[in-house]
Amino acid sequence: MSVLDNYNPQTIRENIRVIRENIEEARQKYGIPHKTELMAVTKTVPPEVVNLVFQEGIFLLGENRVQEYQGKKDIYDLKEHNGIVPQVHFIGNLQTNKVKYIIDDIDMIQSVDSLKLAQEINRLAAAHNKVMDVLCEVNIGGEESKGGFAPADAVSLLEQLSSMESIKVRGLMTIPPPVDSDVYFGRMAELFNTIKDRNIEGISMEVLSMGMTHDYVNAVKFGSTIVRVGTGIFGSRTYR
């Protein structure tokens, strides 16, 4: 049995079309001037299925687990498509001892949630003669079950990261509480703009990554530049 048997390419294509329409409607409705990029989150999705999204013009993948990514990366069709080379971002919880397994392959690490993790990324990136793009993860709802640094610590952490030569902070990422998303997205937008206005040397506030299948429209409303959608594209999966 083919891995594609449990997935309908036409359904995936239609899902992507609807999501894009919703994103564009929200941008127009709320006067958002910048583009909002759609990321395909690949958790538990076979790589042969993930490759289908390139045909639909999605060239940004989100990986949650180091071990899973290692088993899939060689099957991904990451060659140039219509002049665009797909990118892979790591968006899940990342332990410092696993950075070494992804440092060469990942284009951005979105889930930097501590100074210790940033230091390890910086050390290994330097050893591999590269500069790693990163986002700092903010625990905007103060939830004990989630990673990320407290909003009040944002400026202090970013000032420390700004001196690291082998990482480049490109912005912020968050996973808000599942309820009252407008409240938390609003707080994230405020924090993002406050930090942007400070013009911290060595810090580039270009990316605000927030919004998933259940709340991406609200995220667009508050200025998200990347929405991370898995179930909305591929359908419900049984997570392992």
Protein backbone atom coordinates (compact mmCIF):
# COMPACT_ATOMS: atom_id res chain seq x y z
CA MET A 1 0.00 0.00 0.00
CA SER A 2 1.35 3.43 -0.96
CA VAL A 3 1.81 6.10 1.71
CA LEU A 4 -0.34 8.30 -0.51
CA ASP A 5 -3.35 6.01 -0.06
CA ASN A 6 -4.35 7.75 3.18
CA TYR A 7 -4.11 11.23 1.62
CA ASN A 8 -6.09 12.75 -1.23
CA PRO A 9 -3.97 15.16 -3.30
CA GLN A 10 -7.10 16.96 -4.50
CA THR A 11 -8.24 17.51 -0.91
CA ILE A 12 -4.82 18.88 0.03
CA ARG A 13 -4.93 21.18 -2.99
CA GLU A 14 -8.40 22.43 -2.05
CA ASN A 15 -7.40 22.93 1.58
CA ILE A 16 -4.48 25.10 0.52
CA ARG A 17 -6.69 27.13 -1.80
CA VAL A 18 -9.20 27.84 0.98
CA ILE A 19 -6.50 28.77 3.50
CA ARG A 20 -4.92 31.18 1.05
CA GLU A 21 -8.28 32.78 0.34
CA ASN A 22 -8.89 33.19 4.08
CA ILE A 23 -5.46 34.74 4.58
CA GLU A 24 -5.99 37.21 1.74
CA GLU A 25 -9.47 38.14 2.94
CA ALA A 26 -8.10 38.83 6.42
CA ARG A 27 -5.25 40.92 5.01
CA GLN A 28 -7.67 43.01 3.00
CA LYS A 29 -10.21 43.32 5.80
CA TYR A 30 -7.69 44.46 8.41
CA GLY A 31 -5.45 46.47 6.12
CA ILE A 32 -2.34 44.34 6.58
CA PRO A 33 0.24 45.69 4.12
CA HIS A 34 2.75 42.85 4.18
CA LYS A 35 2.59 39.32 2.84
CA THR A 36 1.63 36.49 5.19
CA GLU A 37 3.47 33.30 4.26
CA LEU A 38 1.82 29.91 4.63
CA MET A 39 4.00 27.25 6.26
CA ALA A 40 3.14 23.56 5.90
CA VAL A 41 3.69 21.86 9.26
CA THR A 42 4.77 18.30 8.57
CA LYS A 43 4.47 16.52 11.92
CA THR A 44 3.72 12.79 11.27
CA VAL A 45 3.05 13.45 7.57
CA PRO A 46 5.00 11.13 5.20
CA PRO A 47 7.59 13.04 3.15
CA GLU A 48 6.07 11.83 -0.11
CA VAL A 49 2.85 13.58 0.91
CA VAL A 50 4.67 16.71 2.08
CA ASN A 51 6.25 16.97 -1.38
CA LEU A 52 2.78 17.59 -2.82
CA VAL A 53 2.68 21.09 -1.35
CA PHE A 54 5.53 22.24 -3.57
CA GLN A 55 3.26 21.72 -6.56
CA GLU A 56 0.85 24.19 -4.92
CA GLY A 57 3.47 26.86 -4.38
CA ILE A 58 4.17 26.31 -0.68
CA PHE A 59 7.92 26.41 -0.19
CA LEU A 60 8.19 26.63 3.59
CA LEU A 61 8.08 23.53 5.81
CA GLY A 62 7.87 23.43 9.61
CA GLU A 63 9.51 20.54 11.48
CA ASN A 64 8.69 19.70 15.10
CA ARG A 65 10.92 16.75 15.93
CA VAL A 66 14.61 16.23 15.27
CA GLN A 67 14.46 12.45 14.93
CA GLU A 68 11.45 12.55 12.63
CA TYR A 69 13.10 15.16 10.42
CA GLN A 70 16.26 13.10 10.14
CA GLY A 71 14.23 10.20 8.79
CA LYS A 72 12.41 12.35 6.23
CA LYS A 73 14.84 14.99 5.00
CA ASP A 74 16.47 12.91 2.27
CA ILE A 75 13.08 12.18 0.71
CA TYR A 76 11.98 15.82 0.59
CA ASP A 77 12.07 17.33 -2.88
CA LEU A 78 14.05 20.40 -1.88
CA LYS A 79 15.39 21.23 -5.32
CA GLU A 80 14.55 24.55 -6.96
CA HIS A 81 10.91 24.89 -8.04
CA ASN A 82 10.11 27.73 -10.44
CA GLY A 83 13.12 29.65 -9.21
CA ILE A 84 12.40 29.05 -5.51
CA VAL A 85 14.31 26.66 -3.24
CA PRO A 86 12.09 25.36 -0.40
CA GLN A 87 13.11 26.21 3.14
CA VAL A 88 12.79 24.10 6.28
CA HIS A 89 12.30 25.75 9.67
CA PHE A 90 12.50 23.98 13.01
CA ILE A 91 9.49 25.01 15.11
CA GLY A 92 9.36 22.46 17.93
CA ASN A 93 10.97 22.25 21.35
CA LEU A 94 14.71 21.87 20.81
CA GLN A 95 17.10 20.42 23.37
CA THR A 96 20.64 21.76 23.33
CA ASN A 97 22.11 18.27 22.80
CA LYS A 98 20.14 17.87 19.56
CA VAL A 99 21.16 21.11 17.86
CA LYS A 100 24.11 19.31 16.27
CA TYR A 101 21.77 17.07 14.30
CA ILE A 102 20.03 19.90 12.46
CA ILE A 103 22.58 22.71 12.31
CA ASP A 104 23.60 21.92 8.72
CA ASP A 105 20.15 21.32 7.23
CA ILE A 106 17.70 23.77 8.79
CA ASP A 107 17.24 27.26 7.37
CA MET A 108 15.81 28.79 10.54
CA ILE A 109 15.22 27.76 14.16
CA GLN A 110 12.01 29.43 15.33
CA SER A 111 11.92 28.03 18.85
CA VAL A 112 14.85 29.63 20.65
CA ASP A 113 13.49 29.79 24.18
CA SER A 114 16.57 30.30 26.36
CA LEU A 115 19.98 31.90 26.44
CA LYS A 116 21.55 28.46 26.86
CA LEU A 117 19.98 27.19 23.63
CA ALA A 118 21.02 30.34 21.75
CA GLN A 119 24.60 29.91 22.95
CA GLU A 120 24.73 26.32 21.70
CA ILE A 121 23.28 27.27 18.32
CA ASN A 122 25.81 30.07 18.06
CA ARG A 123 28.70 27.75 18.98
CA LEU A 124 27.77 25.06 16.48
CA ALA A 125 26.90 27.49 13.70
CA ALA A 126 30.36 29.04 14.10
CA ALA A 127 31.96 25.60 13.93
CA HIS A 128 30.07 24.98 10.67
CA ASN A 129 30.96 28.37 9.20
CA LYS A 130 27.41 29.61 8.95
CA VAL A 131 25.08 32.15 10.48
CA MET A 132 21.82 30.60 11.67
CA ASP A 133 18.62 32.60 11.38
CA VAL A 134 16.53 32.30 14.56
CA LEU A 135 13.32 33.52 16.13
CA CYS A 136 12.92 33.97 19.86
CA GLU A 137 9.93 32.08 21.23
CA VAL A 138 7.72 34.05 23.59
CA ASN A 139 5.44 32.35 26.11
CA ILE A 140 2.86 35.07 25.71
CA GLY A 141 0.26 33.34 27.89
CA GLY A 142 2.63 32.43 30.73
CA GLU A 143 1.68 28.77 30.46
CA GLU A 144 3.81 26.31 32.43
CA SER A 145 3.22 23.61 29.83
CA LYS A 146 4.83 25.64 27.04
CA GLY A 147 8.33 26.79 26.28
CA GLY A 148 9.41 30.32 25.56
CA PHE A 149 10.65 33.27 27.56
CA ALA A 150 8.47 35.74 29.40
CA PRO A 151 7.53 38.92 27.52
CA ALA A 152 9.15 40.99 30.27
CA ASP A 153 12.49 39.28 29.57
CA ALA A 154 12.40 39.85 25.80
CA VAL A 155 14.55 42.94 25.51
CA SER A 156 17.18 41.65 27.93
CA LEU A 157 17.50 38.34 26.09
CA LEU A 158 17.63 39.97 22.68
CA GLU A 159 20.36 42.35 23.81
CA GLN A 160 22.44 39.32 24.87
CA LEU A 161 21.78 37.53 21.59
CA SER A 162 22.68 40.59 19.55
CA SER A 163 26.37 40.11 20.31
CA MET A 164 26.46 36.51 19.05
CA GLU A 165 28.18 36.48 15.68
CA SER A 166 26.87 33.17 14.34
CA ILE A 167 23.15 33.67 14.88
CA LYS A 168 20.86 36.28 13.40
CA VAL A 169 17.66 37.12 15.27
CA ARG A 170 14.98 37.75 12.65
CA GLY A 171 11.95 38.17 14.92
CA LEU A 172 9.59 36.42 17.34
CA MET A 173 7.46 33.28 17.48
CA THR A 174 4.64 32.25 19.83
CA ILE A 175 2.04 29.58 20.52
CA PRO A 176 -0.71 31.37 22.47
CA PRO A 177 -3.30 29.78 24.76
CA PRO A 178 -6.14 28.14 22.80
CA VAL A 179 -8.73 30.62 24.06
CA ASP A 180 -8.90 34.41 23.75
CA SER A 181 -6.42 34.36 20.88
CA ASP A 182 -7.22 37.99 20.00
CA VAL A 183 -5.95 39.08 23.40
CA TYR A 184 -2.66 37.21 23.13
CA PHE A 185 -2.06 37.99 19.47
CA GLY A 186 -2.62 41.63 20.33
CA ARG A 187 -0.03 41.43 23.10
CA MET A 188 2.44 39.75 20.75
CA ALA A 189 1.93 42.42 18.10
CA GLU A 190 2.52 45.12 20.71
CA LEU A 191 5.67 43.42 21.98
CA PHE A 192 6.97 42.87 18.45
CA ASN A 193 6.45 46.51 17.49
CA THR A 194 7.92 47.79 20.75
CA ILE A 195 11.10 45.79 20.19
CA LYS A 196 11.21 46.82 16.54
CA ASP A 197 11.02 50.48 17.54
CA ARG A 198 13.99 50.06 19.90
CA ASN A 199 16.26 49.27 16.92
CA ILE A 200 18.50 46.96 18.90
CA GLU A 201 21.79 46.69 17.03
CA GLY A 202 22.22 43.25 15.45
CA ILE A 203 18.53 42.37 15.84
CA SER A 204 16.19 42.37 12.84
CA MET A 205 12.47 42.37 13.61
CA GLU A 206 11.18 41.10 10.26
CA VAL A 207 9.32 37.93 11.19
CA LEU A 208 6.34 37.45 13.50
CA SER A 209 5.44 33.76 13.42
CA MET A 210 2.08 33.03 15.03
CA GLY A 211 -1.16 31.32 14.12
CA MET A 212 -2.02 27.67 13.45
CA THR A 213 -4.92 25.76 11.93
CA HIS A 214 -7.50 26.92 14.45
CA ASP A 215 -6.49 30.58 14.74
CA TYR A 216 -4.46 31.63 11.70
CA VAL A 217 -7.04 34.16 10.52
CA ASN A 218 -6.85 35.99 13.86
CA ALA A 219 -3.06 35.86 13.65
CA VAL A 220 -3.15 37.56 10.26
CA LYS A 221 -5.36 40.26 11.77
CA PHE A 222 -2.58 41.11 14.23
CA GLY A 223 0.22 41.16 11.69
CA SER A 224 1.63 37.63 11.59
CA THR A 225 4.11 37.20 8.75
CA ILE A 226 4.11 33.38 8.93
CA VAL A 227 1.18 31.12 9.82
CA ARG A 228 2.02 27.50 10.65
CA VAL A 229 -0.68 25.12 9.40
CA GLY A 230 -0.61 21.32 9.54
CA THR A 231 -4.04 19.80 10.11
CA GLY A 232 -5.70 22.46 7.97
CA ILE A 233 -3.61 21.30 4.99
CA PHE A 234 -3.14 17.57 5.49
CA GLY A 235 -6.17 16.70 7.61
CA SER A 236 -6.30 15.19 11.09
CA ARG A 237 -3.43 12.90 11.94
CA THR A 238 -2.77 10.49 14.79
CA TYR A 239 0.25 11.97 16.54
CA ARG A 240 2.89 9.59 17.70
